Amino acid sequence: MQLAGVIEALSGATSPEEVFELVRGAAVPLGYRWVGLFALTDEAAAAAGASSPIVICNYPDGFAESYVRLERHAVDPVLALAAETITALLWEDVVAVRTLSPEQRELDAERRRVGLHDEVTCPIHGAHGQRFALRFAKAEPGSCDRAQTGSLQILAIHVYYALTRMWAEAAKPVASSESLADHGQASIAGLCALSQREQEVMLWTARGKSASSISVILDLSENTVNFYVKNAMRKLGTTNRVVAVVLAVRSGLIAP
């Protein structure tokens, strides 16, 4: 299933388990067998109702258990960076430029031993201090297609939106008519850094649509779509579309 199809399916998912299966289904064609959602802050764990840093995963038998039992999240070099950055991180890139502690070297060796390779970690910065990381790893060592990391990062954003919708519905009183979408629209209405057209093109970009597809949806020329995207990137202070999408979502400018 292509990214746009997965995003559409996530919007209609009704349980965290269904969300996880959709993510797994999207990851396998890209070569990623293992998927894990990690809570990086207490606020994230509370929102997810998780009793450990690993909210959900399909990691090899025993690895997740030992990771939690030995509190390896506290020394995980990638998770430490994921809480502070908004773009995807590759495990190999991080460990290549750091002097690893004995505990970190042991974690690195165990990961290779159980078959976690070429891992991509996608940071998720939500509201109220919620910080998550969605991680994808291959079962066999090989080369990582860096062109895929942008798509995985956008997928991570939509996973967060799907899950927070469910958590919010589960937490609110039955009689309340308030929804997560109401908060999102209120936030967007209160911000004006992007014009309406810029918000529209960034919204469709976040949903995985190409400039040519957006031009058809909004009845604009492709050049005009690219013009609005470039304006939005300039206002958000980046020259990278994926980073612009992440910043727009994080700022409440769009709610995909």
Protein backbone atom coordinates (compact mmCIF):
# COMPACT_ATOMS: atom_id res chain seq x y z
CA MET A 1 0.00 0.00 0.00
CA GLN A 2 1.35 3.42 -0.93
CA LEU A 3 1.89 6.10 1.71
CA ALA A 4 -1.29 8.02 0.84
CA GLY A 5 -3.33 4.82 1.16
CA VAL A 6 -1.81 3.98 4.53
CA ILE A 7 -2.49 7.51 5.80
CA GLU A 8 -6.11 7.25 4.69
CA ALA A 9 -6.46 3.86 6.39
CA LEU A 10 -4.93 5.25 9.61
CA SER A 11 -7.58 7.96 9.72
CA GLY A 12 -10.24 5.25 9.90
CA ALA A 13 -8.44 2.89 12.29
CA THR A 14 -10.36 2.05 15.45
CA SER A 15 -7.72 0.50 17.74
CA PRO A 16 -3.98 0.83 18.49
CA GLU A 17 -3.55 -2.76 17.31
CA GLU A 18 -5.07 -1.86 13.94
CA VAL A 19 -2.74 1.15 13.70
CA PHE A 20 0.26 -1.06 14.42
CA GLU A 21 -0.75 -3.62 11.79
CA LEU A 22 -1.15 -0.84 9.20
CA VAL A 23 2.33 0.44 10.03
CA ARG A 24 3.79 -3.04 9.78
CA GLY A 25 2.07 -3.52 6.44
CA ALA A 26 3.60 -0.29 5.16
CA ALA A 27 7.06 -1.14 6.51
CA VAL A 28 7.45 -4.64 5.06
CA PRO A 29 7.55 -3.60 1.36
CA LEU A 30 10.29 -1.13 2.29
CA GLY A 31 12.35 -3.96 3.80
CA TYR A 32 11.62 -3.27 7.48
CA ARG A 33 10.47 -6.29 9.47
CA TRP A 34 10.66 -4.87 13.00
CA VAL A 35 8.60 -1.91 14.23
CA GLY A 36 8.48 -0.35 17.69
CA LEU A 37 6.79 2.68 19.24
CA PHE A 38 8.70 4.15 22.19
CA ALA A 39 7.55 6.71 24.78
CA LEU A 40 10.39 9.15 25.42
CA THR A 41 8.76 11.19 28.20
CA ASP A 42 6.53 10.52 31.19
CA GLU A 43 3.80 12.54 29.45
CA ALA A 44 3.98 10.23 26.43
CA ALA A 45 3.83 7.08 28.55
CA ALA A 46 0.85 8.47 30.47
CA ALA A 47 -1.00 9.35 27.25
CA ALA A 48 -0.42 5.85 25.89
CA GLY A 49 -1.16 4.13 29.19
CA ALA A 50 2.23 2.41 28.91
CA SER A 51 4.05 0.97 31.90
CA SER A 52 7.39 0.82 30.08
CA PRO A 53 9.25 2.88 27.45
CA ILE A 54 8.14 0.43 24.75
CA VAL A 55 4.48 1.11 23.98
CA ILE A 56 4.15 -1.62 21.35
CA CYS A 57 6.57 -3.57 19.17
CA ASN A 58 7.11 -6.83 17.30
CA TYR A 59 10.79 -7.08 18.16
CA PRO A 60 12.57 -10.48 18.30
CA ASP A 61 11.68 -12.69 21.26
CA GLY A 62 13.35 -11.62 24.47
CA PHE A 63 14.89 -8.40 23.19
CA ALA A 64 12.10 -6.08 24.30
CA GLU A 65 11.92 -7.80 27.70
CA SER A 66 15.66 -7.42 28.35
CA TYR A 67 15.63 -3.86 26.99
CA VAL A 68 13.01 -2.85 29.55
CA ARG A 69 14.37 -4.97 32.41
CA LEU A 70 17.90 -3.60 32.01
CA GLU A 71 16.58 -0.05 31.48
CA ARG A 72 18.46 0.26 28.23
CA HIS A 73 16.33 3.18 27.14
CA ALA A 74 18.41 5.22 29.60
CA VAL A 75 21.60 4.55 27.60
CA ASP A 76 20.11 4.20 24.11
CA PRO A 77 22.15 6.78 22.11
CA VAL A 78 19.48 7.28 19.45
CA LEU A 79 16.57 7.82 21.83
CA ALA A 80 18.53 10.55 23.61
CA LEU A 81 18.79 12.43 20.30
CA ALA A 82 15.22 11.66 19.20
CA ALA A 83 13.84 13.67 22.10
CA GLU A 84 15.65 16.75 20.81
CA THR A 85 15.37 16.50 17.02
CA ILE A 86 12.50 16.40 14.53
CA THR A 87 14.07 14.45 11.66
CA ALA A 88 14.68 10.74 11.21
CA LEU A 89 17.84 9.24 12.72
CA LEU A 90 19.80 6.21 11.53
CA TRP A 91 21.33 3.99 14.21
CA GLU A 92 24.53 3.47 12.23
CA ASP A 93 25.00 7.22 11.72
CA VAL A 94 24.62 7.95 15.43
CA VAL A 95 26.93 5.24 16.76
CA ALA A 96 29.56 6.04 14.11
CA VAL A 97 30.19 9.52 15.50
CA ARG A 98 29.87 8.82 19.23
CA THR A 99 32.20 7.28 21.75
CA LEU A 100 29.98 4.53 23.14
CA SER A 101 29.93 3.59 26.80
CA PRO A 102 30.31 -0.11 27.71
CA GLU A 103 26.53 -0.34 28.15
CA GLN A 104 25.93 1.22 24.75
CA ARG A 105 28.43 -1.13 23.09
CA GLU A 106 26.65 -4.06 24.71
CA LEU A 107 23.29 -2.79 23.40
CA ASP A 108 24.75 -2.32 19.92
CA ALA A 109 26.12 -5.87 19.92
CA GLU A 110 22.88 -7.39 21.20
CA ARG A 111 20.87 -5.60 18.52
CA ARG A 112 23.03 -7.13 15.81
CA ARG A 113 22.89 -10.50 17.55
CA VAL A 114 19.09 -10.68 17.54
CA GLY A 115 18.76 -9.29 14.01
CA LEU A 116 17.96 -5.58 14.32
CA HIS A 117 19.74 -3.83 11.46
CA ASP A 118 19.68 -0.52 9.59
CA GLU A 119 17.25 0.99 12.08
CA VAL A 120 15.49 4.26 11.33
CA THR A 121 14.09 6.21 14.29
CA CYS A 122 11.40 8.81 13.57
CA PRO A 123 10.91 11.35 16.37
CA ILE A 124 7.35 12.42 17.20
CA HIS A 125 6.87 15.66 19.13
CA GLY A 126 3.31 15.96 20.32
CA ALA A 127 1.42 18.32 22.58
CA HIS A 128 1.87 18.72 26.35
CA GLY A 129 5.42 17.35 26.44
CA GLN A 130 4.57 14.11 24.65
CA ARG A 131 7.63 12.75 22.87
CA PHE A 132 7.57 9.42 21.06
CA ALA A 133 9.82 7.60 18.62
CA LEU A 134 8.63 5.21 15.92
CA ARG A 135 11.44 2.82 14.96
CA PHE A 136 11.85 0.61 11.90
CA ALA A 137 14.57 -2.05 11.57
CA LYS A 138 15.53 -4.68 9.02
CA ALA A 139 16.08 -8.35 9.82
CA GLU A 140 19.24 -8.56 7.69
CA PRO A 141 22.11 -6.08 7.34
CA GLY A 142 22.21 -4.09 4.15
CA SER A 143 22.12 -0.57 2.84
CA CYS A 144 19.53 1.90 4.04
CA ASP A 145 17.64 3.80 1.35
CA ARG A 146 17.84 7.30 2.80
CA ALA A 147 15.17 8.48 0.39
CA GLN A 148 12.67 6.42 2.42
CA THR A 149 13.31 8.21 5.70
CA GLY A 150 11.17 11.22 4.77
CA SER A 151 8.19 8.97 4.05
CA LEU A 152 8.71 7.09 7.31
CA GLN A 153 8.82 10.38 9.22
CA ILE A 154 5.53 11.53 7.67
CA LEU A 155 4.03 8.12 8.47
CA ALA A 156 5.12 8.53 12.09
CA ILE A 157 3.23 11.83 12.36
CA HIS A 158 0.03 10.20 11.15
CA VAL A 159 0.48 7.26 13.51
CA TYR A 160 0.63 9.76 16.36
CA TYR A 161 -2.53 11.52 15.19
CA ALA A 162 -4.38 8.21 14.86
CA LEU A 163 -3.32 7.06 18.32
CA THR A 164 -3.98 10.35 20.10
CA ARG A 165 -7.46 10.39 18.59
CA MET A 166 -8.12 6.99 20.18
CA TRP A 167 -6.51 7.88 23.51
CA ALA A 168 -8.49 11.12 23.69
CA GLU A 169 -11.76 9.33 22.92
CA ALA A 170 -11.03 6.73 25.59
CA ALA A 171 -10.15 9.36 28.19
CA LYS A 172 -12.96 11.88 27.76
CA PRO A 173 -16.34 11.62 29.55
CA VAL A 174 -19.05 9.88 27.57
CA ALA A 175 -21.31 12.94 27.68
CA SER A 176 -18.68 15.29 26.29
CA SER A 177 -18.97 16.39 22.67
CA GLU A 178 -15.42 17.71 22.61
CA SER A 179 -12.99 15.93 20.29
CA LEU A 180 -9.32 16.03 19.43
CA ALA A 181 -10.23 17.52 16.05
CA ASP A 182 -11.84 20.49 17.80
CA HIS A 183 -8.55 21.30 19.51
CA GLY A 184 -6.64 20.95 16.24
CA GLN A 185 -8.94 23.32 14.36
CA ALA A 186 -8.85 25.85 17.20
CA SER A 187 -5.05 25.82 17.16
CA ILE A 188 -4.95 26.32 13.42
CA ALA A 189 -7.51 29.14 13.55
CA GLY A 190 -5.39 30.96 16.11
CA LEU A 191 -2.23 30.93 13.98
CA CYS A 192 -1.56 32.94 10.85
CA ALA A 193 2.10 32.34 9.99
CA LEU A 194 0.98 30.53 6.83
CA SER A 195 -1.64 31.75 4.40
CA GLN A 196 -4.73 29.63 3.79
CA ARG A 197 -3.32 28.34 0.49
CA GLU A 198 0.04 27.56 2.11
CA GLN A 199 -1.73 25.62 4.84
CA GLU A 200 -3.72 23.70 2.23
CA VAL A 201 -0.71 22.64 0.17
CA MET A 202 1.25 21.69 3.30
CA LEU A 203 -1.72 19.69 4.56
CA TRP A 204 -1.87 17.67 1.35
CA THR A 205 1.92 17.31 1.36
CA ALA A 206 1.66 15.87 4.87
CA ARG A 207 -0.92 13.41 3.55
CA GLY A 208 1.64 12.06 1.10
CA LYS A 209 0.42 13.79 -2.06
CA SER A 210 2.82 14.93 -4.78
CA ALA A 211 2.80 18.46 -6.20
CA SER A 212 1.08 17.19 -9.36
CA SER A 213 -1.66 15.49 -7.33
CA ILE A 214 -2.14 18.58 -5.15
CA SER A 215 -2.49 20.72 -8.28
CA VAL A 216 -5.45 18.57 -9.35
CA ILE A 217 -7.03 18.54 -5.88
CA LEU A 218 -6.81 22.31 -5.43
CA ASP A 219 -7.28 23.21 -9.11
CA LEU A 220 -3.93 25.00 -9.27
CA SER A 221 -0.97 24.68 -11.60
CA GLU A 222 1.90 22.51 -10.38
CA ASN A 223 4.17 25.58 -10.45
CA THR A 224 1.75 27.42 -8.18
CA VAL A 225 1.68 24.49 -5.74
CA ASN A 226 5.48 24.48 -5.61
CA PHE A 227 5.42 28.25 -5.10
CA TYR A 228 3.19 27.89 -2.04
CA VAL A 229 5.31 25.02 -0.68
CA LYS A 230 8.49 27.08 -1.04
CA ASN A 231 6.83 30.04 0.68
CA ALA A 232 5.77 27.80 3.56
CA MET A 233 9.26 26.33 3.87
CA ARG A 234 10.77 29.83 3.91
CA LYS A 235 8.40 30.97 6.65
CA LEU A 236 9.14 27.83 8.66
CA GLY A 237 12.87 28.35 8.26
CA THR A 238 13.79 25.23 6.30
CA THR A 239 14.56 24.11 2.76
CA ASN A 240 13.39 20.54 3.39
CA ARG A 241 9.76 19.61 2.70
CA VAL A 242 9.62 16.84 5.29
CA VAL A 243 11.06 19.12 7.98
CA ALA A 244 8.52 21.79 6.94
CA VAL A 245 5.67 19.30 7.38
CA VAL A 246 6.96 18.26 10.80
CA LEU A 247 7.30 21.87 11.92
CA ALA A 248 3.85 22.78 10.60
CA VAL A 249 2.26 19.87 12.45
CA ARG A 250 4.24 20.52 15.62
CA SER A 251 3.21 24.19 15.56
CA GLY A 252 -0.46 23.37 15.06
CA LEU A 253 -0.54 25.02 11.65
CA ILE A 254 -1.90 21.85 10.04
CA ALA A 255 -3.60 18.79 11.50
CA PRO A 256 -3.31 15.96 8.96
